Amino acid sequence: MSQPGSMRAQAEGTPGISRRTFLGAGLTALVTVAFLDTLAASKAIPSSVEPILAGWLRRLHRQCADLRGIATMTSRRFL
């Protein structure tokens, strides 16, 4: 049994997607981004699409960096 108010208790009491669905969606997104990044690095995409994809990958990288910063601040708060 989880302590009331803990993250696990909140997750157990919250109806939503299953772990399998959540991880599947995350893995799909990760593989997609890795594939697009590989295509961009190998110059295997049309030149007309390259600036659009490069901008999208830069914004995605910046957003992920922001999330990492939030996760680091949150984990330090609980130390």
PDB file of N, CA and C in Angstrom:
ATOM      1  N   MET A   1       0.836  -1.191   0.000  1.00  0.00           N
ATOM      2  CA  MET A   1       0.000   0.000   0.000  1.00  0.00           C
ATOM      3  C   MET A   1       0.871   1.240   0.000  1.00  0.00           C
ATOM      4  N   SER A   2       0.498   2.219  -0.746  1.00  0.00           N
ATOM      5  CA  SER A   2       1.264   3.448  -0.880  1.00  0.00           C
ATOM      6  C   SER A   2       0.843   4.460   0.164  1.00  0.00           C
ATOM      7  N   GLN A   3       1.773   5.369   0.487  1.00  0.00           N
ATOM      8  CA  GLN A   3       1.472   6.461   1.388  1.00  0.00           C
ATOM      9  C   GLN A   3       0.522   7.434   0.693  1.00  0.00           C
ATOM     10  N   PRO A   4      -0.510   7.917   1.383  1.00  0.00           N
ATOM     11  CA  PRO A   4      -1.405   8.895   0.763  1.00  0.00           C
ATOM     12  C   PRO A   4      -0.619  10.134   0.330  1.00  0.00           C
ATOM     13  N   GLY A   5      -0.926  10.636  -0.838  1.00  0.00           N
ATOM     14  CA  GLY A   5      -0.253  11.827  -1.347  1.00  0.00           C
ATOM     15  C   GLY A   5       1.003  11.536  -2.139  1.00  0.00           C
ATOM     16  N   SER A   6       1.493  10.294  -2.092  1.00  0.00           N
ATOM     17  CA  SER A   6       2.701   9.980  -2.853  1.00  0.00           C
ATOM     18  C   SER A   6       2.370   9.897  -4.333  1.00  0.00           C
ATOM     19  N   MET A   7       3.418   9.980  -5.156  1.00  0.00           N
ATOM     20  CA  MET A   7       3.200   9.913  -6.605  1.00  0.00           C
ATOM     21  C   MET A   7       2.610   8.563  -6.997  1.00  0.00           C
ATOM     22  N   ARG A   8       3.040   7.498  -6.343  1.00  0.00           N
ATOM     23  CA  ARG A   8       2.513   6.177  -6.669  1.00  0.00           C
ATOM     24  C   ARG A   8       1.034   6.084  -6.318  1.00  0.00           C
ATOM     25  N   ALA A   9       0.656   6.647  -5.171  1.00  0.00           N
ATOM     26  CA  ALA A   9      -0.751   6.630  -4.784  1.00  0.00           C
ATOM     27  C   ALA A   9      -1.585   7.417  -5.778  1.00  0.00           C
ATOM     28  N   GLN A  10      -1.046   8.542  -6.247  1.00  0.00           N
ATOM     29  CA  GLN A  10      -1.767   9.340  -7.236  1.00  0.00           C
ATOM     30  C   GLN A  10      -1.918   8.564  -8.538  1.00  0.00           C
ATOM     31  N   ALA A  11      -0.857   7.877  -8.952  1.00  0.00           N
ATOM     32  CA  ALA A  11      -0.901   7.117 -10.197  1.00  0.00           C
ATOM     33  C   ALA A  11      -1.859   5.931 -10.090  1.00  0.00           C
ATOM     34  N   GLU A  12      -1.882   5.280  -8.924  1.00  0.00           N
ATOM     35  CA  GLU A  12      -2.763   4.131  -8.750  1.00  0.00           C
ATOM     36  C   GLU A  12      -4.226   4.544  -8.760  1.00  0.00           C
ATOM     37  N   GLY A  13      -4.506   5.731  -8.242  1.00  0.00           N
ATOM     38  CA  GLY A  13      -5.891   6.171  -8.154  1.00  0.00           C
ATOM     39  C   GLY A  13      -6.372   6.934  -9.370  1.00  0.00           C
ATOM     40  N   THR A  14      -5.490   7.178 -10.307  1.00  0.00           N
ATOM     41  CA  THR A  14      -5.848   7.976 -11.470  1.00  0.00           C
ATOM     42  C   THR A  14      -6.155   7.079 -12.654  1.00  0.00           C
ATOM     43  N   PRO A  15      -7.390   7.121 -13.148  1.00  0.00           N
ATOM     44  CA  PRO A  15      -7.673   6.349 -14.351  1.00  0.00           C
ATOM     45  C   PRO A  15      -6.982   7.012 -15.542  1.00  0.00           C
ATOM     46  N   GLY A  16      -6.480   6.224 -16.437  1.00  0.00           N
ATOM     47  CA  GLY A  16      -5.796   6.787 -17.599  1.00  0.00           C
ATOM     48  C   GLY A  16      -5.202   5.674 -18.421  1.00  0.00           C
ATOM     49  N   ILE A  17      -4.132   5.993 -19.091  1.00  0.00           N
ATOM     50  CA  ILE A  17      -3.513   5.005 -19.951  1.00  0.00           C
ATOM     51  C   ILE A  17      -2.664   4.035 -19.126  1.00  0.00           C
ATOM     52  N   SER A  18      -2.488   2.855 -19.666  1.00  0.00           N
ATOM     53  CA  SER A  18      -1.678   1.850 -18.978  1.00  0.00           C
ATOM     54  C   SER A  18      -0.204   2.147 -19.188  1.00  0.00           C
ATOM     55  N   ARG A  19       0.641   1.526 -18.381  1.00  0.00           N
ATOM     56  CA  ARG A  19       2.086   1.669 -18.556  1.00  0.00           C
ATOM     57  C   ARG A  19       2.514   1.201 -19.932  1.00  0.00           C
ATOM     58  N   ARG A  20       1.946   0.116 -20.371  1.00  0.00           N
ATOM     59  CA  ARG A  20       2.309  -0.450 -21.673  1.00  0.00           C
ATOM     60  C   ARG A  20       1.996   0.557 -22.794  1.00  0.00           C
ATOM     61  N   THR A  21       0.842   1.188 -22.728  1.00  0.00           N
ATOM     62  CA  THR A  21       0.462   2.181 -23.738  1.00  0.00           C
ATOM     63  C   THR A  21       1.385   3.392 -23.667  1.00  0.00           C
ATOM     64  N   PHE A  22       1.669   3.873 -22.464  1.00  0.00           N
ATOM     65  CA  PHE A  22       2.547   5.025 -22.271  1.00  0.00           C
ATOM     66  C   PHE A  22       3.940   4.732 -22.806  1.00  0.00           C
ATOM     67  N   LEU A  23       4.511   3.591 -22.450  1.00  0.00           N
ATOM     68  CA  LEU A  23       5.847   3.241 -22.915  1.00  0.00           C
ATOM     69  C   LEU A  23       5.880   3.004 -24.420  1.00  0.00           C
ATOM     70  N   GLY A  24       4.826   2.395 -24.958  1.00  0.00           N
ATOM     71  CA  GLY A  24       4.749   2.183 -26.400  1.00  0.00           C
ATOM     72  C   GLY A  24       4.743   3.492 -27.166  1.00  0.00           C
ATOM     73  N   ALA A  25       3.974   4.456 -26.675  1.00  0.00           N
ATOM     74  CA  ALA A  25       3.926   5.767 -27.330  1.00  0.00           C
ATOM     75  C   ALA A  25       5.273   6.475 -27.225  1.00  0.00           C
ATOM     76  N   GLY A  26       5.897   6.376 -26.069  1.00  0.00           N
ATOM     77  CA  GLY A  26       7.209   6.995 -25.888  1.00  0.00           C
ATOM     78  C   GLY A  26       8.266   6.372 -26.780  1.00  0.00           C
ATOM     79  N   LEU A  27       8.242   5.054 -26.889  1.00  0.00           N
ATOM     80  CA  LEU A  27       9.202   4.356 -27.742  1.00  0.00           C
ATOM     81  C   LEU A  27       8.975   4.696 -29.214  1.00  0.00           C
ATOM     82  N   THR A  28       7.725   4.787 -29.610  1.00  0.00           N
ATOM     83  CA  THR A  28       7.403   5.160 -30.993  1.00  0.00           C
ATOM     84  C   THR A  28       7.942   6.556 -31.308  1.00  0.00           C
ATOM     85  N   ALA A  29       7.737   7.491 -30.408  1.00  0.00           N
ATOM     86  CA  ALA A  29       8.236   8.856 -30.614  1.00  0.00           C
ATOM     87  C   ALA A  29       9.756   8.877 -30.674  1.00  0.00           C
ATOM     88  N   LEU A  30      10.400   8.134 -29.787  1.00  0.00           N
ATOM     89  CA  LEU A  30      11.859   8.096 -29.756  1.00  0.00           C
ATOM     90  C   LEU A  30      12.436   7.530 -31.056  1.00  0.00           C
ATOM     91  N   VAL A  31      11.875   6.440 -31.538  1.00  0.00           N
ATOM     92  CA  VAL A  31      12.346   5.824 -32.778  1.00  0.00           C
ATOM     93  C   VAL A  31      12.103   6.758 -33.968  1.00  0.00           C
ATOM     94  N   THR A  32      10.973   7.431 -33.976  1.00  0.00           N
ATOM     95  CA  THR A  32      10.664   8.358 -35.063  1.00  0.00           C
ATOM     96  C   THR A  32      11.663   9.506 -35.114  1.00  0.00           C
ATOM     97  N   VAL A  33      11.946  10.100 -33.975  1.00  0.00           N
ATOM     98  CA  VAL A  33      12.896  11.212 -33.932  1.00  0.00           C
ATOM     99  C   VAL A  33      14.293  10.728 -34.311  1.00  0.00           C
ATOM    100  N   ALA A  34      14.695   9.562 -33.823  1.00  0.00           N
ATOM    101  CA  ALA A  34      16.009   9.025 -34.175  1.00  0.00           C
ATOM    102  C   ALA A  34      16.109   8.780 -35.686  1.00  0.00           C
ATOM    103  N   PHE A  35      15.045   8.260 -36.280  1.00  0.00           N
ATOM    104  CA  PHE A  35      15.028   8.014 -37.720  1.00  0.00           C
ATOM    105  C   PHE A  35      15.138   9.318 -38.500  1.00  0.00           C
ATOM    106  N   LEU A  36      14.354  10.334 -38.104  1.00  0.00           N
ATOM    107  CA  LEU A  36      14.407  11.629 -38.795  1.00  0.00           C
ATOM    108  C   LEU A  36      15.776  12.282 -38.627  1.00  0.00           C
ATOM    109  N   ASP A  37      16.364  12.154 -37.444  1.00  0.00           N
ATOM    110  CA  ASP A  37      17.689  12.705 -37.196  1.00  0.00           C
ATOM    111  C   ASP A  37      18.735  12.017 -38.074  1.00  0.00           C
ATOM    112  N   THR A  38      18.619  10.702 -38.221  1.00  0.00           N
ATOM    113  CA  THR A  38      19.533   9.952 -39.087  1.00  0.00           C
ATOM    114  C   THR A  38      19.382  10.380 -40.545  1.00  0.00           C
ATOM    115  N   LEU A  39      18.144  10.533 -40.992  1.00  0.00           N
ATOM    116  CA  LEU A  39      17.915  10.998 -42.364  1.00  0.00           C
ATOM    117  C   LEU A  39      18.525  12.380 -42.592  1.00  0.00           C
ATOM    118  N   ALA A  40      18.346  13.270 -41.632  1.00  0.00           N
ATOM    119  CA  ALA A  40      18.888  14.624 -41.771  1.00  0.00           C
ATOM    120  C   ALA A  40      20.416  14.602 -41.780  1.00  0.00           C
ATOM    121  N   ALA A  41      21.015  13.791 -40.921  1.00  0.00           N
ATOM    122  CA  ALA A  41      22.481  13.723 -40.847  1.00  0.00           C
ATOM    123  C   ALA A  41      23.086  13.122 -42.111  1.00  0.00           C
ATOM    124  N   SER A  42      22.387  12.201 -42.742  1.00  0.00           N
ATOM    125  CA  SER A  42      22.928  11.544 -43.934  1.00  0.00           C
ATOM    126  C   SER A  42      22.537  12.256 -45.231  1.00  0.00           C
ATOM    127  N   LYS A  43      21.874  13.413 -45.093  1.00  0.00           N
ATOM    128  CA  LYS A  43      21.443  14.200 -46.268  1.00  0.00           C
ATOM    129  C   LYS A  43      20.558  13.377 -47.208  1.00  0.00           C
ATOM    130  N   ALA A  44      19.709  12.532 -46.631  1.00  0.00           N
ATOM    131  CA  ALA A  44      18.840  11.660 -47.422  1.00  0.00           C
ATOM    132  C   ALA A  44      17.442  12.235 -47.605  1.00  0.00           C
ATOM    133  N   ILE A  45      17.272  13.514 -47.302  1.00  0.00           N
ATOM    134  CA  ILE A  45      15.961  14.139 -47.474  1.00  0.00           C
ATOM    135  C   ILE A  45      16.070  15.230 -48.536  1.00  0.00           C
ATOM    136  N   PRO A  46      14.991  15.562 -49.197  1.00  0.00           N
ATOM    137  CA  PRO A  46      15.029  16.604 -50.228  1.00  0.00           C
ATOM    138  C   PRO A  46      15.438  17.952 -49.635  1.00  0.00           C
ATOM    139  N   SER A  47      16.132  18.732 -50.410  1.00  0.00           N
ATOM    140  CA  SER A  47      16.605  20.040 -49.937  1.00  0.00           C
ATOM    141  C   SER A  47      15.448  20.975 -49.572  1.00  0.00           C
ATOM    142  N   SER A  48      14.293  20.764 -50.179  1.00  0.00           N
ATOM    143  CA  SER A  48      13.140  21.612 -49.856  1.00  0.00           C
ATOM    144  C   SER A  48      12.570  21.303 -48.468  1.00  0.00           C
ATOM    145  N   VAL A  49      12.792  20.100 -47.990  1.00  0.00           N
ATOM    146  CA  VAL A  49      12.268  19.678 -46.687  1.00  0.00           C
ATOM    147  C   VAL A  49      13.295  19.887 -45.581  1.00  0.00           C
ATOM    148  N   GLU A  50      14.565  19.928 -45.939  1.00  0.00           N
ATOM    149  CA  GLU A  50      15.645  20.001 -44.954  1.00  0.00           C
ATOM    150  C   GLU A  50      15.509  21.157 -43.964  1.00  0.00           C
ATOM    151  N   PRO A  51      15.238  22.397 -44.394  1.00  0.00           N
ATOM    152  CA  PRO A  51      15.126  23.485 -43.411  1.00  0.00           C
ATOM    153  C   PRO A  51      13.948  23.293 -42.450  1.00  0.00           C
ATOM    154  N   ILE A  52      12.873  22.735 -42.923  1.00  0.00           N
ATOM    155  CA  ILE A  52      11.697  22.494 -42.074  1.00  0.00           C
ATOM    156  C   ILE A  52      12.039  21.456 -41.008  1.00  0.00           C
ATOM    157  N   LEU A  53      12.651  20.356 -41.437  1.00  0.00           N
ATOM    158  CA  LEU A  53      13.018  19.299 -40.505  1.00  0.00           C
ATOM    159  C   LEU A  53      14.075  19.774 -39.517  1.00  0.00           C
ATOM    160  N   ALA A  54      15.066  20.537 -40.001  1.00  0.00           N
ATOM    161  CA  ALA A  54      16.115  21.041 -39.112  1.00  0.00           C
ATOM    162  C   ALA A  54      15.531  21.957 -38.039  1.00  0.00           C
ATOM    163  N   GLY A  55      14.614  22.826 -38.430  1.00  0.00           N
ATOM    164  CA  GLY A  55      13.971  23.703 -37.453  1.00  0.00           C
ATOM    165  C   GLY A  55      13.153  22.934 -36.441  1.00  0.00           C
ATOM    166  N   TRP A  56      12.438  21.922 -36.902  1.00  0.00           N
ATOM    167  CA  TRP A  56      11.625  21.099 -36.013  1.00  0.00           C
ATOM    168  C   TRP A  56      12.507  20.350 -35.023  1.00  0.00           C
ATOM    169  N   LEU A  57      13.618  19.780 -35.503  1.00  0.00           N
ATOM    170  CA  LEU A  57      14.525  19.046 -34.611  1.00  0.00           C
ATOM    171  C   LEU A  57      15.181  19.986 -33.603  1.00  0.00           C
ATOM    172  N   ARG A  58      15.529  21.212 -34.016  1.00  0.00           N
ATOM    173  CA  ARG A  58      16.105  22.184 -33.070  1.00  0.00           C
ATOM    174  C   ARG A  58      15.111  22.546 -31.977  1.00  0.00           C
ATOM    175  N   ARG A  59      13.859  22.813 -32.371  1.00  0.00           N
ATOM    176  CA  ARG A  59      12.828  23.143 -31.363  1.00  0.00           C
ATOM    177  C   ARG A  59      12.592  21.968 -30.423  1.00  0.00           C
ATOM    178  N   LEU A  60      12.557  20.774 -30.967  1.00  0.00           N
ATOM    179  CA  LEU A  60      12.365  19.583 -30.137  1.00  0.00           C
ATOM    180  C   LEU A  60      13.520  19.420 -29.153  1.00  0.00           C
ATOM    181  N   HIS A  61      14.747  19.622 -29.617  1.00  0.00           N
ATOM    182  CA  HIS A  61      15.905  19.520 -28.740  1.00  0.00           C
ATOM    183  C   HIS A  61      15.835  20.561 -27.623  1.00  0.00           C
ATOM    184  N   ARG A  62      15.436  21.781 -27.960  1.00  0.00           N
ATOM    185  CA  ARG A  62      15.322  22.844 -26.956  1.00  0.00           C
ATOM    186  C   ARG A  62      14.249  22.511 -25.921  1.00  0.00           C
ATOM    187  N   GLN A  63      13.110  21.987 -26.368  1.00  0.00           N
ATOM    188  CA  GLN A  63      12.045  21.609 -25.436  1.00  0.00           C
ATOM    189  C   GLN A  63      12.491  20.480 -24.520  1.00  0.00           C
ATOM    190  N   CYS A  64      13.216  19.521 -25.060  1.00  0.00           N
ATOM    191  CA  CYS A  64      13.710  18.414 -24.236  1.00  0.00           C
ATOM    192  C   CYS A  64      14.722  18.909 -23.212  1.00  0.00           C
ATOM    193  N   ALA A  65      15.555  19.865 -23.604  1.00  0.00           N
ATOM    194  CA  ALA A  65      16.512  20.438 -22.663  1.00  0.00           C
ATOM    195  C   ALA A  65      15.769  21.138 -21.528  1.00  0.00           C
ATOM    196  N   ASP A  66      14.690  21.841 -21.858  1.00  0.00           N
ATOM    197  CA  ASP A  66      13.879  22.492 -20.826  1.00  0.00           C
ATOM    198  C   ASP A  66      13.302  21.457 -19.870  1.00  0.00           C
ATOM    199  N   LEU A  67      12.821  20.346 -20.402  1.00  0.00           N
ATOM    200  CA  LEU A  67      12.256  19.294 -19.560  1.00  0.00           C
ATOM    201  C   LEU A  67      13.310  18.677 -18.662  1.00  0.00           C
ATOM    202  N   ARG A  68      14.520  18.478 -19.197  1.00  0.00           N
ATOM    203  CA  ARG A  68      15.601  17.934 -18.376  1.00  0.00           C
ATOM    204  C   ARG A  68      15.923  18.880 -17.235  1.00  0.00           C
ATOM    205  N   GLY A  69      15.904  20.180 -17.517  1.00  0.00           N
ATOM    206  CA  GLY A  69      16.163  21.162 -16.472  1.00  0.00           C
ATOM    207  C   GLY A  69      15.106  21.129 -15.387  1.00  0.00           C
ATOM    208  N   ILE A  70      13.855  20.980 -15.762  1.00  0.00           N
ATOM    209  CA  ILE A  70      12.762  20.888 -14.792  1.00  0.00           C
ATOM    210  C   ILE A  70      12.912  19.618 -13.964  1.00  0.00           C
ATOM    211  N   ALA A  71      13.241  18.506 -14.605  1.00  0.00           N
ATOM    212  CA  ALA A  71      13.404  17.241 -13.882  1.00  0.00           C
ATOM    213  C   ALA A  71      14.549  17.327 -12.902  1.00  0.00           C
ATOM    214  N   THR A  72      15.634  17.993 -13.279  1.00  0.00           N
ATOM    215  CA  THR A  72      16.787  18.140 -12.385  1.00  0.00           C
ATOM    216  C   THR A  72      16.411  18.989 -11.182  1.00  0.00           C
ATOM    217  N   MET A  73      15.695  20.099 -11.414  1.00  0.00           N
ATOM    218  CA  MET A  73      15.298  20.954 -10.300  1.00  0.00           C
ATOM    219  C   MET A  73      14.353  20.189  -9.370  1.00  0.00           C
ATOM    220  N   THR A  74      13.444  19.413  -9.913  1.00  0.00           N
ATOM    221  CA  THR A  74      12.494  18.667  -9.099  1.00  0.00           C
ATOM    222  C   THR A  74      13.206  17.612  -8.276  1.00  0.00           C
ATOM    223  N   SER A  75      14.146  16.887  -8.872  1.00  0.00           N
ATOM    224  CA  SER A  75      14.844  15.834  -8.135  1.00  0.00           C
ATOM    225  C   SER A  75      15.714  16.432  -7.039  1.00  0.00           C
ATOM    226  N   ARG A  76      16.298  17.594  -7.245  1.00  0.00           N
ATOM    227  CA  ARG A  76      17.118  18.232  -6.213  1.00  0.00           C
ATOM    228  C   ARG A  76      16.269  18.695  -5.034  1.00  0.00           C
ATOM    229  N   ARG A  77      15.024  19.064  -5.334  1.00  0.00           N
ATOM    230  CA  ARG A  77      14.137  19.529  -4.266  1.00  0.00           C
ATOM    231  C   ARG A  77      13.828  18.395  -3.286  1.00  0.00           C
ATOM    232  N   PHE A  78      13.825  17.148  -3.753  1.00  0.00           N
ATOM    233  CA  PHE A  78      13.477  16.017  -2.898  1.00  0.00           C
ATOM    234  C   PHE A  78      14.689  15.390  -2.236  1.00  0.00           C
ATOM    235  N   LEU A  79      15.882  15.908  -2.481  1.00  0.00           N
ATOM    236  CA  LEU A  79      17.081  15.354  -1.843  1.00  0.00           C
ATOM    237  C   LEU A  79      17.246  15.814  -0.429  1.00  0.00           C
TER     238      LEU A  79
END
